[in-house]
Protein backbone atom coordinates (compact mmCIF):
# COMPACT_ATOMS: atom_id res chain seq x y z
CA UNK A 1 7.53 -17.92 7.61
CA UNK A 2 5.58 -17.27 11.21
CA UNK A 3 5.00 -20.11 13.70
CA UNK A 4 1.23 -19.73 13.02
CA UNK A 5 1.84 -20.76 9.45
CA UNK A 6 1.76 -24.60 8.49
CA UNK A 7 1.82 -25.14 4.75
CA UNK A 8 0.81 -28.74 5.15
CA UNK A 9 -1.82 -28.08 7.55
CA UNK A 10 -5.57 -27.48 7.29
CA UNK A 11 -7.29 -24.30 6.29
CA UNK A 12 -7.97 -22.11 9.17
CA UNK A 13 -11.80 -21.71 8.40
CA UNK A 14 -12.24 -25.49 8.25
CA UNK A 15 -10.54 -25.84 11.67
CA UNK A 16 -13.04 -23.49 13.00
CA UNK A 17 -16.02 -25.11 11.40
CA UNK A 18 -14.94 -28.68 12.80
CA UNK A 19 -14.35 -27.01 16.34
CA UNK A 20 -18.04 -25.99 16.10
CA UNK A 21 -17.24 -22.21 16.18
CA UNK A 22 -19.31 -21.39 13.10
CA UNK A 23 -20.06 -22.59 9.69
CA UNK A 24 -17.06 -22.62 7.19
CA UNK A 25 -18.88 -19.52 5.55
CA UNK A 26 -19.20 -17.56 8.88
CA UNK A 27 -15.75 -18.65 10.06
CA UNK A 28 -14.33 -16.83 6.83
CA UNK A 29 -16.17 -13.85 7.97
CA UNK A 30 -14.94 -13.86 11.40
CA UNK A 31 -11.21 -14.15 9.87
CA UNK A 32 -11.81 -11.30 7.56
CA UNK A 33 -12.96 -9.14 10.45
CA UNK A 34 -9.94 -9.97 12.38
CA UNK A 35 -11.49 -11.71 15.32
CA UNK A 36 -9.48 -14.69 15.06
CA UNK A 37 -5.76 -15.11 16.41
CA UNK A 38 -3.39 -17.94 15.90
CA UNK A 39 -0.64 -18.31 18.23
CA UNK A 40 -1.06 -14.79 19.46
CA UNK A 41 -1.40 -13.13 15.97
CA UNK A 42 -4.59 -11.85 14.35
CA UNK A 43 -5.07 -13.82 11.00
CA UNK A 44 -7.08 -12.01 8.29
CA UNK A 45 -5.89 -14.19 5.31
CA UNK A 46 -8.37 -16.82 4.09
CA UNK A 47 -5.76 -19.18 2.75
CA UNK A 48 -4.01 -19.71 6.12
CA UNK A 49 -3.36 -23.27 7.01
CA UNK A 50 -2.60 -24.23 10.44
CA UNK A 51 -1.60 -27.64 12.38
CA UNK A 52 -4.82 -28.10 14.58
CA UNK A 53 -2.48 -30.37 16.75
CA UNK A 54 -0.53 -27.51 17.82
CA UNK A 55 -2.02 -24.13 16.93
CA UNK A 56 -3.55 -21.97 19.73
CA UNK A 57 -6.54 -20.51 18.44
CA UNK A 58 -8.53 -17.78 19.96
CA UNK A 59 -11.81 -16.34 18.66
CA UNK A 60 -12.97 -12.86 20.18
CA UNK A 61 -10.28 -13.80 22.86
CA UNK A 62 -11.62 -17.08 23.75
CA UNK A 63 -9.75 -20.06 23.35
CA UNK A 64 -11.04 -22.67 20.67
CA UNK A 65 -10.56 -26.39 21.96
CA UNK A 66 -9.38 -28.31 18.88
CA UNK A 67 -8.30 -31.70 20.30
CA UNK A 68 -11.46 -34.09 19.90
CA UNK A 69 -10.03 -36.22 22.69
CA UNK A 70 -10.41 -33.69 25.39
CA UNK A 71 -13.59 -34.10 27.75
CA UNK A 72 -14.93 -31.47 29.98
CA UNK A 73 -17.82 -32.19 32.33
CA UNK A 74 -19.93 -30.76 35.16
CA UNK A 75 -21.19 -33.20 37.95
CA UNK A 76 -23.63 -32.16 40.59
CA UNK A 77 -22.00 -34.02 43.44
CA UNK A 78 -24.29 -35.37 45.97
CA UNK A 79 -23.73 -35.22 49.83
CA UNK A 80 -22.33 -38.35 51.15
CA UNK A 81 -20.07 -39.00 47.73
CA UNK A 82 -16.25 -38.61 47.99
CA UNK A 83 -14.08 -36.62 45.48
CA UNK A 84 -12.18 -39.60 44.34
CA UNK A 85 -12.22 -41.54 41.23
CA UNK A 86 -12.11 -44.76 43.20
CA UNK A 87 -12.49 -45.67 46.80
CA UNK A 88 -10.67 -48.51 48.38
CA UNK A 89 -13.25 -48.69 51.22
CA UNK A 90 -16.11 -49.07 48.87
CA UNK A 91 -17.67 -45.91 49.74
CA UNK A 92 -19.63 -43.98 46.91
CA UNK A 93 -17.09 -41.78 45.13
CA UNK A 94 -17.10 -39.58 41.93
CA UNK A 95 -15.67 -42.18 39.62
CA UNK A 96 -19.01 -43.98 40.10
CA UNK A 97 -20.94 -41.68 38.08
CA UNK A 98 -18.64 -41.87 34.92
CA UNK A 99 -17.15 -45.66 35.19
CA UNK A 100 -17.93 -47.46 32.08
CA UNK A 101 -19.15 -44.46 29.91
CA UNK A 102 -17.24 -43.90 26.74
CA UNK A 103 -15.68 -40.79 27.76
CA UNK A 104 -14.64 -41.95 31.37
CA UNK A 105 -10.86 -42.89 30.28
CA UNK A 106 -8.22 -40.64 31.77
CA UNK A 107 -10.71 -38.38 33.48
CA UNK A 108 -10.10 -36.91 37.04
CA UNK A 109 -11.64 -34.37 39.07
CA UNK A 110 -10.56 -30.77 39.28
CA UNK A 111 -9.93 -30.11 43.08
CA UNK A 112 -12.44 -31.53 45.66
CA UNK A 113 -15.47 -31.11 47.82
CA UNK A 114 -15.59 -32.73 51.10
CA UNK A 115 -18.08 -35.63 51.45
CA UNK A 116 -20.68 -33.55 53.16
CA UNK A 117 -20.36 -30.57 50.53
CA UNK A 118 -22.75 -30.97 47.43
CA UNK A 119 -22.64 -29.17 44.15
CA UNK A 120 -20.35 -28.41 41.09
CA UNK A 121 -17.35 -30.78 40.51
CA UNK A 122 -15.45 -30.17 37.20
CA UNK A 123 -14.15 -33.51 35.70
CA UNK A 124 -11.61 -33.35 32.61
CA UNK A 125 -8.53 -35.10 31.08
CA UNK A 126 -7.08 -31.69 30.15
CA UNK A 127 -4.10 -31.83 32.57
CA UNK A 128 -3.00 -28.24 31.78
CA UNK A 129 -6.29 -26.62 32.19
CA UNK A 130 -6.77 -28.55 35.66
CA UNK A 131 -3.46 -27.86 36.88
CA UNK A 132 -3.82 -23.99 36.49
CA UNK A 133 -7.74 -24.07 37.71
CA UNK A 134 -6.39 -25.72 41.09
CA UNK A 135 -3.37 -23.49 41.43
CA UNK A 136 -4.14 -20.55 43.81
CA UNK A 137 -2.03 -17.97 41.95
CA UNK A 138 -4.67 -17.81 39.08
CA UNK A 139 -7.49 -16.68 41.62
CA UNK A 140 -10.31 -18.49 39.79
CA UNK A 141 -13.34 -17.83 42.18
CA UNK A 142 -15.49 -20.53 43.43
CA UNK A 143 -18.97 -19.68 44.75
CA UNK A 144 -20.65 -21.42 47.38
CA UNK A 145 -24.32 -21.39 49.14
CA UNK A 146 -24.20 -21.98 52.66
CA UNK A 147 -26.89 -22.39 55.27
CA UNK A 148 -25.64 -21.52 58.80
CA UNK A 149 -26.52 -21.59 62.37
CA UNK A 150 -27.58 -17.83 63.79
CA UNK A 151 -28.45 -14.56 61.99
CA UNK A 152 -25.79 -12.80 60.37
CA UNK A 153 -24.78 -9.45 61.76
CA UNK A 154 -24.53 -6.11 59.75
CA UNK A 155 -20.78 -5.82 58.80
CA UNK A 156 -19.98 -9.56 58.35
CA UNK A 157 -19.26 -9.39 54.88
CA UNK A 158 -16.89 -6.30 55.30
CA UNK A 159 -14.93 -8.43 58.06
CA UNK A 160 -14.54 -11.27 55.94
CA UNK A 161 -13.32 -9.52 53.01
CA UNK A 162 -10.89 -7.93 55.20
CA UNK A 163 -9.65 -11.15 56.31
CA UNK A 164 -10.19 -13.76 59.10
CA UNK A 165 -6.98 -15.53 60.96
CA UNK A 166 -7.42 -19.27 60.82
CA UNK A 167 -5.03 -22.03 62.35
CA UNK A 168 -3.10 -22.48 59.16
CA UNK A 169 -3.00 -18.72 58.01
CA UNK A 170 -5.29 -15.91 57.11
CA UNK A 171 -8.41 -15.86 54.60
CA UNK A 172 -10.25 -13.40 52.96
CA UNK A 173 -13.40 -13.87 50.82
CA UNK A 174 -13.66 -12.19 47.21
CA UNK A 175 -17.35 -11.50 47.90
CA UNK A 176 -20.16 -12.31 50.54
CA UNK A 177 -23.77 -11.72 50.41
CA UNK A 178 -26.82 -12.72 52.77
CA UNK A 179 -29.56 -14.26 50.82
CA UNK A 180 -32.23 -14.93 53.44
CA UNK A 181 -32.47 -15.02 57.37
CA UNK A 182 -35.11 -16.87 59.14
CA UNK A 183 -35.65 -18.87 62.32
CA UNK A 184 -32.47 -18.61 63.78
CA UNK A 185 -30.66 -19.55 60.46
CA UNK A 186 -29.04 -17.64 57.48
CA UNK A 187 -28.59 -18.42 53.80
CA UNK A 188 -25.34 -16.81 52.51
CA UNK A 189 -23.36 -16.75 49.27
CA UNK A 190 -19.63 -16.92 49.52
CA UNK A 191 -16.97 -16.36 46.82
CA UNK A 192 -13.46 -17.22 47.24
CA UNK A 193 -10.35 -18.42 45.34
CA UNK A 194 -9.01 -20.40 48.52
CA UNK A 195 -8.40 -23.99 47.96
CA UNK A 196 -7.62 -25.31 51.52
CA UNK A 197 -9.34 -28.00 53.06
CA UNK A 198 -12.61 -27.34 54.47
CA UNK A 199 -11.97 -23.66 54.10
CA UNK A 200 -15.51 -22.33 53.73
CA UNK A 201 -16.75 -24.42 56.70
CA UNK A 202 -13.92 -23.24 59.11
CA UNK A 203 -14.21 -19.73 58.04
CA UNK A 204 -17.91 -19.55 58.69
CA UNK A 205 -17.36 -21.38 61.94
CA UNK A 206 -14.87 -19.14 63.27
CA UNK A 207 -17.01 -15.98 62.92
CA UNK A 208 -19.77 -17.91 64.70
CA UNK A 209 -22.02 -19.43 62.13
CA UNK A 210 -21.21 -23.20 62.03
CA UNK A 211 -22.42 -24.48 58.47
CA UNK A 212 -25.56 -26.93 58.31
CA UNK A 213 -25.47 -27.31 54.46
CA UNK A 214 -23.10 -26.27 51.75
CA UNK A 215 -23.36 -26.31 48.12
CA UNK A 216 -20.92 -25.03 45.37
CA UNK A 217 -22.67 -23.17 42.69
CA UNK A 218 -19.88 -21.90 40.25
CA UNK A 219 -16.40 -22.44 39.41
CA UNK A 220 -15.24 -19.22 37.41
CA UNK A 221 -18.01 -18.46 34.91
CA UNK A 222 -19.38 -22.07 34.81
CA UNK A 223 -22.59 -22.36 37.02
CA UNK A 224 -24.29 -25.45 38.66
CA UNK A 225 -27.70 -24.61 37.53
CA UNK A 226 -30.47 -26.69 38.97
CA UNK A 227 -29.64 -30.31 37.76
CA UNK A 228 -30.56 -33.44 39.74
CA UNK A 229 -27.93 -34.53 42.29
CA UNK A 230 -25.74 -36.78 40.43
CA UNK A 231 -26.55 -35.66 37.15
CA UNK A 232 -23.62 -35.01 34.74
CA UNK A 233 -23.20 -32.63 31.81
CA UNK A 234 -20.63 -31.69 29.23
CA UNK A 235 -19.36 -28.30 29.30
CA UNK A 236 -20.41 -26.04 26.28
CA UNK A 237 -17.56 -24.47 24.20
CA UNK A 238 -18.19 -21.04 25.78
CA UNK A 239 -17.90 -22.43 29.24
CA UNK A 240 -14.57 -24.12 28.38
CA UNK A 241 -13.26 -21.07 26.81
CA UNK A 242 -14.05 -19.15 29.98
CA UNK A 243 -12.12 -21.43 31.93
CA UNK A 244 -9.15 -21.27 29.66
CA UNK A 245 -9.50 -17.54 29.80
CA UNK A 246 -9.46 -17.31 33.54
CA UNK A 247 -6.25 -19.03 33.71
CA UNK A 248 -4.50 -17.27 30.99
CA UNK A 249 -4.54 -20.10 28.35
């Protein structure tokens, strides 16, 4: 018997249907087509039973989340809000946006944004995923939109990709793009997987372009979109799967 078999468990197609992957009939087709993996092995038998509490299931390479108690949220953090779940000084904080809701128990923020930075902040009670998302070794990219002083010179992107030396060590971006320039200001997009404090602001200031406004627009494949500041939504199954894939879970 392999580790993926659980004679007292639940039929695989039923587990997939309950997780919202597809109807039971469609889930059976996925299994027969060899698109489902259980504990790292492709499963094609419709009679296979699994333990939904312990099995690791992927469909088309994307992890399927089976635990119903796990919560994954995207908050559009407003400016002036601190990245803490509580604040002993009474300042506005991330926890204010989920406190009292049915899904709030055990939630924490994945990484942080400084008070003056707006945009996408992930919230979850999934410790394994959060730990990996915050660990620099997994190189999960974060995308920022920054309004900066000055007109950006040609070649700055190449310089930033090569690396800039800061007081706490070198940093380089994964991608850099100028989106607009006018009236002594520039709008730039910065992608990097660094997580050091104020890293985007310090990086751009170091090359002569102090930040006026900073918004995080994406973490991995999860996009902020255009919600109102302070709005919160649940991540889709595909978004959660993309985060798991990004950190090899």
